[in-house]
């Protein structure tokens, strides 16, 4: 059974249309296998899910890294075929 999530803080970056910044949350939790993850959630739905971390501290550190730098990230157009699924 998964353990309770811990809220780190609400997201700062400008959200997509129809999503208020105050409704976005960074969550850190432990899964059933004992690994830790962070995710960004809105309205109870996961929008972004991290890779596995060995400790809550490492997962929270990674979440804070993303949180602190997301506002400075560039958002630009991509070519459609630029990111192909693995195995294709």
Protein backbone atom coordinates (compact mmCIF):
# COMPACT_ATOMS: atom_id res chain seq x y z
CA UNK A 1 0.00 0.00 0.00
CA UNK A 2 1.36 3.42 -0.94
CA UNK A 3 2.18 5.91 1.81
CA UNK A 4 0.60 9.33 2.12
CA UNK A 5 1.84 12.06 -0.18
CA UNK A 6 3.70 15.12 1.05
CA UNK A 7 2.99 18.46 -0.58
CA UNK A 8 6.18 20.37 -1.29
CA UNK A 9 4.60 23.59 -2.66
CA UNK A 10 2.32 24.78 -5.44
CA UNK A 11 3.81 25.27 -8.90
CA UNK A 12 4.91 28.74 -10.04
CA UNK A 13 5.15 28.46 -13.84
CA UNK A 14 2.41 29.89 -16.01
CA UNK A 15 -0.11 27.07 -16.45
CA UNK A 16 -1.95 26.06 -19.60
CA UNK A 17 -5.29 27.68 -20.34
CA UNK A 18 -7.99 26.69 -17.90
CA UNK A 19 -5.58 25.61 -15.16
CA UNK A 20 -4.87 28.00 -12.30
CA UNK A 21 -1.39 27.99 -10.80
CA UNK A 22 -2.85 27.52 -7.32
CA UNK A 23 -4.46 24.22 -8.37
CA UNK A 24 -1.13 22.65 -9.38
CA UNK A 25 0.79 20.73 -6.71
CA UNK A 26 4.16 19.03 -6.45
CA UNK A 27 3.71 15.78 -4.54
CA UNK A 28 6.38 13.40 -3.21
CA UNK A 29 5.38 9.86 -2.31
CA UNK A 30 6.59 6.29 -1.86
CA UNK A 31 5.16 3.60 -4.14
CA UNK A 32 4.27 0.03 -3.18
CA UNK A 33 7.75 -1.17 -4.16
CA UNK A 34 9.45 1.25 -1.75
CA UNK A 35 10.71 3.69 -4.40
CA UNK A 36 10.07 7.41 -4.13
CA UNK A 37 8.67 9.65 -6.87
CA UNK A 38 7.51 13.20 -7.34
CA UNK A 39 4.65 14.30 -9.53
CA UNK A 40 2.82 17.43 -10.54
CA UNK A 41 -0.90 17.02 -10.06
CA UNK A 42 -3.96 19.13 -10.78
CA UNK A 43 -7.45 18.33 -9.59
CA UNK A 44 -6.40 14.86 -8.43
CA UNK A 45 -4.88 13.90 -11.79
CA UNK A 46 -1.17 13.37 -12.36
CA UNK A 47 0.22 15.63 -15.09
CA UNK A 48 3.91 14.70 -14.71
CA UNK A 49 5.43 11.68 -12.97
CA UNK A 50 9.12 11.34 -12.16
CA UNK A 51 11.50 8.45 -12.37
CA UNK A 52 12.24 6.43 -9.19
CA UNK A 53 14.45 7.70 -6.37
CA UNK A 54 15.98 5.78 -3.48
CA UNK A 55 14.85 8.18 -0.76
CA UNK A 56 12.20 10.77 -0.02
CA UNK A 57 14.96 13.37 0.31
CA UNK A 58 16.30 12.63 -3.20
CA UNK A 59 12.81 12.75 -4.75
CA UNK A 60 12.02 16.03 -3.01
CA UNK A 61 15.38 17.50 -4.06
CA UNK A 62 14.62 16.62 -7.69
CA UNK A 63 11.10 18.06 -7.44
CA UNK A 64 12.47 21.30 -6.00
CA UNK A 65 15.06 21.45 -8.79
CA UNK A 66 12.29 21.26 -11.40
CA UNK A 67 10.08 23.68 -9.46
CA UNK A 68 12.84 26.28 -9.06
CA UNK A 69 13.83 26.20 -12.74
CA UNK A 70 10.54 25.60 -14.56
CA UNK A 71 9.66 29.29 -14.76
CA UNK A 72 12.86 30.01 -16.71
CA UNK A 73 12.33 27.18 -19.22
CA UNK A 74 11.73 28.06 -22.85
CA UNK A 75 8.52 26.92 -24.45
CA UNK A 76 8.93 26.69 -28.18
CA UNK A 77 7.56 24.78 -31.12
CA UNK A 78 8.92 21.32 -31.91
CA UNK A 79 8.89 19.42 -35.13
CA UNK A 80 6.30 16.65 -35.01
CA UNK A 81 8.75 13.86 -35.86
CA UNK A 82 11.50 15.19 -33.57
CA UNK A 83 10.52 12.92 -30.68
CA UNK A 84 9.80 9.39 -31.84
CA UNK A 85 8.64 6.70 -29.41
CA UNK A 86 11.31 4.19 -28.42
CA UNK A 87 11.32 1.05 -30.52
CA UNK A 88 10.02 2.73 -33.67
